[in-house]
Amino acid sequence: QVHFVESGGGLVQPGGSLTLSCRASTVPNGAYDMGWYRQRTEAQRELVASISNYGMIEYADSVSGRFIISRENPLTVTLQMNDLKSEDAGVYYCNMRLSSSKRDFWGQGTQVTVSA
């Protein structure tokens, strides 16, 4: 089992910035991705950004050019969110996906609110 400590959510005005951080309790021996998904009200959880342990990065089209995901160490990923828009609001979940089995581990989620 993997547990996460998430931090950095909160309230920000449109155009502002927030940084989310996620630290995992452990990482697997093989390949894996870590990243962030978000869930807006009554919507499906969607990928925001992910980074593999080999450094491959994927962004949702809606955040490309505004958000930056980085890996501080094997256990910790950070999501720098810039120029936030109202449609970026939602609950952001840290995720680890094992590449071999596609098994997902989820954090408890952190709320991001974008409002004037």
C-alpha atoms as a PDB file:
ATOM      1  CA  GLN A   1       0.000   0.000   0.000  1.00  0.00           C
ATOM      2  CA  VAL A   2       1.126   3.537  -0.755  1.00  0.00           C
ATOM      3  CA  HIS A   3       0.133   6.562   1.265  1.00  0.00           C
ATOM      4  CA  PHE A   4       0.477  10.155   0.246  1.00  0.00           C
ATOM      5  CA  VAL A   5       0.878  13.503   1.933  1.00  0.00           C
ATOM      6  CA  GLU A   6      -0.641  16.196  -0.255  1.00  0.00           C
ATOM      7  CA  SER A   7      -0.348  19.905   0.298  1.00  0.00           C
ATOM      8  CA  GLY A   8      -0.818  23.226  -1.432  1.00  0.00           C
ATOM      9  CA  GLY A   9      -4.483  23.505  -2.306  1.00  0.00           C
ATOM     10  CA  GLY A  10      -6.517  26.562  -1.478  1.00  0.00           C
ATOM     11  CA  LEU A  11      -8.298  29.615  -2.797  1.00  0.00           C
ATOM     12  CA  VAL A  12      -6.757  31.749  -5.526  1.00  0.00           C
ATOM     13  CA  GLN A  13      -8.003  34.484  -7.816  1.00  0.00           C
ATOM     14  CA  PRO A  14      -8.169  33.941 -11.577  1.00  0.00           C
ATOM     15  CA  GLY A  15      -4.731  34.477 -13.059  1.00  0.00           C
ATOM     16  CA  GLY A  16      -3.039  33.494  -9.825  1.00  0.00           C
ATOM     17  CA  SER A  17      -0.750  30.592  -9.003  1.00  0.00           C
ATOM     18  CA  LEU A  18      -0.679  27.654  -6.640  1.00  0.00           C
ATOM     19  CA  THR A  19       1.805  24.868  -6.053  1.00  0.00           C
ATOM     20  CA  LEU A  20       0.690  21.362  -5.116  1.00  0.00           C
ATOM     21  CA  SER A  21       3.081  18.886  -3.569  1.00  0.00           C
ATOM     22  CA  CYS A  22       2.704  15.161  -3.078  1.00  0.00           C
ATOM     23  CA  ARG A  23       5.020  12.912  -1.117  1.00  0.00           C
ATOM     24  CA  ALA A  24       4.597   9.142  -1.343  1.00  0.00           C
ATOM     25  CA  SER A  25       5.391   6.784   1.527  1.00  0.00           C
ATOM     26  CA  THR A  26       7.203   4.412  -0.783  1.00  0.00           C
ATOM     27  CA  VAL A  27       7.893   3.782  -4.444  1.00  0.00           C
ATOM     28  CA  PRO A  28       7.967   0.486  -6.345  1.00  0.00           C
ATOM     29  CA  ASN A  29      11.073  -1.122  -7.771  1.00  0.00           C
ATOM     30  CA  GLY A  30       9.805  -0.942 -11.352  1.00  0.00           C
ATOM     31  CA  ALA A  31       8.470   1.771 -13.605  1.00  0.00           C
ATOM     32  CA  TYR A  32       5.712   4.008 -12.347  1.00  0.00           C
ATOM     33  CA  ASP A  33       4.078   7.363 -12.962  1.00  0.00           C
ATOM     34  CA  MET A  34       3.219   9.944 -10.355  1.00  0.00           C
ATOM     35  CA  GLY A  35       1.008  12.867 -10.983  1.00  0.00           C
ATOM     36  CA  TRP A  36      -2.197  14.719 -10.374  1.00  0.00           C
ATOM     37  CA  TYR A  37      -5.771  14.138 -11.423  1.00  0.00           C
ATOM     38  CA  ARG A  38      -8.634  16.496 -10.773  1.00  0.00           C
ATOM     39  CA  GLN A  39     -12.326  16.025 -10.349  1.00  0.00           C
ATOM     40  CA  ARG A  40     -14.745  18.843 -10.900  1.00  0.00           C
ATOM     41  CA  THR A  41     -18.286  18.723  -9.615  1.00  0.00           C
ATOM     42  CA  GLU A  42     -20.239  15.856 -11.181  1.00  0.00           C
ATOM     43  CA  ALA A  43     -17.422  15.210 -13.649  1.00  0.00           C
ATOM     44  CA  GLN A  44     -15.087  12.286 -14.112  1.00  0.00           C
ATOM     45  CA  ARG A  45     -11.631  12.354 -12.607  1.00  0.00           C
ATOM     46  CA  GLU A  46      -9.231  13.497 -15.309  1.00  0.00           C
ATOM     47  CA  LEU A  47      -5.488  13.533 -15.713  1.00  0.00           C
ATOM     48  CA  VAL A  48      -3.859  16.926 -15.186  1.00  0.00           C
ATOM     49  CA  ALA A  49      -0.188  15.991 -15.388  1.00  0.00           C
ATOM     50  CA  SER A  50       2.040  13.019 -14.712  1.00  0.00           C
ATOM     51  CA  ILE A  51       5.727  12.241 -14.687  1.00  0.00           C
ATOM     52  CA  SER A  52       7.329   8.829 -14.887  1.00  0.00           C
ATOM     53  CA  ASN A  53      10.297   7.733 -12.839  1.00  0.00           C
ATOM     54  CA  TYR A  54      12.240   7.979 -16.094  1.00  0.00           C
ATOM     55  CA  GLY A  55      11.211  11.611 -16.540  1.00  0.00           C
ATOM     56  CA  MET A  56       8.546  11.298 -19.206  1.00  0.00           C
ATOM     57  CA  ILE A  57       5.885  13.965 -18.742  1.00  0.00           C
ATOM     58  CA  GLU A  58       2.293  14.173 -19.890  1.00  0.00           C
ATOM     59  CA  TYR A  59      -0.054  17.157 -19.577  1.00  0.00           C
ATOM     60  CA  ALA A  60      -3.725  17.587 -20.266  1.00  0.00           C
ATOM     61  CA  ASP A  61      -4.204  19.888 -23.247  1.00  0.00           C
ATOM     62  CA  SER A  62      -6.126  22.327 -21.074  1.00  0.00           C
ATOM     63  CA  VAL A  63      -3.142  22.955 -18.780  1.00  0.00           C
ATOM     64  CA  SER A  64      -0.224  22.662 -21.181  1.00  0.00           C
ATOM     65  CA  GLY A  65       1.849  25.836 -21.070  1.00  0.00           C
ATOM     66  CA  ARG A  66       0.411  26.888 -17.710  1.00  0.00           C
ATOM     67  CA  PHE A  67       1.205  24.007 -15.358  1.00  0.00           C
ATOM     68  CA  ILE A  68       4.591  22.452 -14.681  1.00  0.00           C
ATOM     69  CA  ILE A  69       5.100  19.090 -13.037  1.00  0.00           C
ATOM     70  CA  SER A  70       8.451  18.174 -11.569  1.00  0.00           C
ATOM     71  CA  ARG A  71       9.999  15.477  -9.438  1.00  0.00           C
ATOM     72  CA  GLU A  72      12.019  16.656  -6.468  1.00  0.00           C
ATOM     73  CA  ASN A  73      13.091  13.141  -5.529  1.00  0.00           C
ATOM     74  CA  PRO A  74      11.735   9.620  -6.127  1.00  0.00           C
ATOM     75  CA  LEU A  75       9.024  10.145  -3.488  1.00  0.00           C
ATOM     76  CA  THR A  76       7.871  13.714  -4.222  1.00  0.00           C
ATOM     77  CA  VAL A  77       6.252  15.442  -7.168  1.00  0.00           C
ATOM     78  CA  THR A  78       5.274  19.088  -7.408  1.00  0.00           C
ATOM     79  CA  LEU A  79       2.715  20.731  -9.654  1.00  0.00           C
ATOM     80  CA  GLN A  80       3.233  24.428 -10.280  1.00  0.00           C
ATOM     81  CA  MET A  81      -0.066  25.879 -11.507  1.00  0.00           C
ATOM     82  CA  ASN A  82       0.048  29.289 -13.164  1.00  0.00           C
ATOM     83  CA  ASP A  83      -2.558  31.542 -14.751  1.00  0.00           C
ATOM     84  CA  LEU A  84      -5.313  29.622 -13.020  1.00  0.00           C
ATOM     85  CA  LYS A  85      -8.769  29.730 -14.534  1.00  0.00           C
ATOM     86  CA  SER A  86     -12.174  29.030 -13.063  1.00  0.00           C
ATOM     87  CA  GLU A  87     -12.296  25.737 -14.953  1.00  0.00           C
ATOM     88  CA  ASP A  88      -9.153  24.594 -13.100  1.00  0.00           C
ATOM     89  CA  ALA A  89     -11.099  24.444  -9.847  1.00  0.00           C
ATOM     90  CA  GLY A  90     -11.805  21.053  -8.338  1.00  0.00           C
ATOM     91  CA  VAL A  91     -10.392  18.410  -6.061  1.00  0.00           C
ATOM     92  CA  TYR A  92      -6.867  17.447  -7.048  1.00  0.00           C
ATOM     93  CA  TYR A  93      -5.765  13.908  -6.283  1.00  0.00           C
ATOM     94  CA  CYS A  94      -2.205  12.686  -6.176  1.00  0.00           C
ATOM     95  CA  ASN A  95      -1.803   9.438  -8.068  1.00  0.00           C
ATOM     96  CA  MET A  96       0.762   6.715  -8.473  1.00  0.00           C
ATOM     97  CA  ARG A  97       0.269   4.212 -11.276  1.00  0.00           C
ATOM     98  CA  LEU A  98       2.407   1.106 -11.564  1.00  0.00           C
ATOM     99  CA  SER A  99       3.398   0.666 -15.181  1.00  0.00           C
ATOM    100  CA  SER A 100       3.406  -3.146 -15.130  1.00  0.00           C
ATOM    101  CA  SER A 101      -0.018  -3.736 -13.571  1.00  0.00           C
ATOM    102  CA  LYS A 102      -1.664  -0.321 -14.159  1.00  0.00           C
ATOM    103  CA  ARG A 103      -2.618  -0.412 -10.484  1.00  0.00           C
ATOM    104  CA  ASP A 104      -3.502   3.019  -9.100  1.00  0.00           C
ATOM    105  CA  PHE A 105      -2.905   4.439  -5.661  1.00  0.00           C
ATOM    106  CA  TRP A 106      -4.681   7.660  -4.686  1.00  0.00           C
ATOM    107  CA  GLY A 107      -4.197  10.449  -2.235  1.00  0.00           C
ATOM    108  CA  GLN A 108      -7.080  11.874  -0.253  1.00  0.00           C
ATOM    109  CA  GLY A 109      -7.393  14.942  -2.468  1.00  0.00           C
ATOM    110  CA  THR A 110      -6.876  18.643  -1.972  1.00  0.00           C
ATOM    111  CA  GLN A 111      -9.335  21.368  -2.944  1.00  0.00           C
ATOM    112  CA  VAL A 112      -8.386  24.066  -5.429  1.00  0.00           C
ATOM    113  CA  THR A 113     -10.814  26.963  -5.698  1.00  0.00           C
ATOM    114  CA  VAL A 114     -10.398  29.670  -8.332  1.00  0.00           C
ATOM    115  CA  SER A 115     -12.627  32.622  -7.646  1.00  0.00           C
ATOM    116  CA  ALA A 116     -12.540  36.392  -7.573  1.00  0.00           C
END
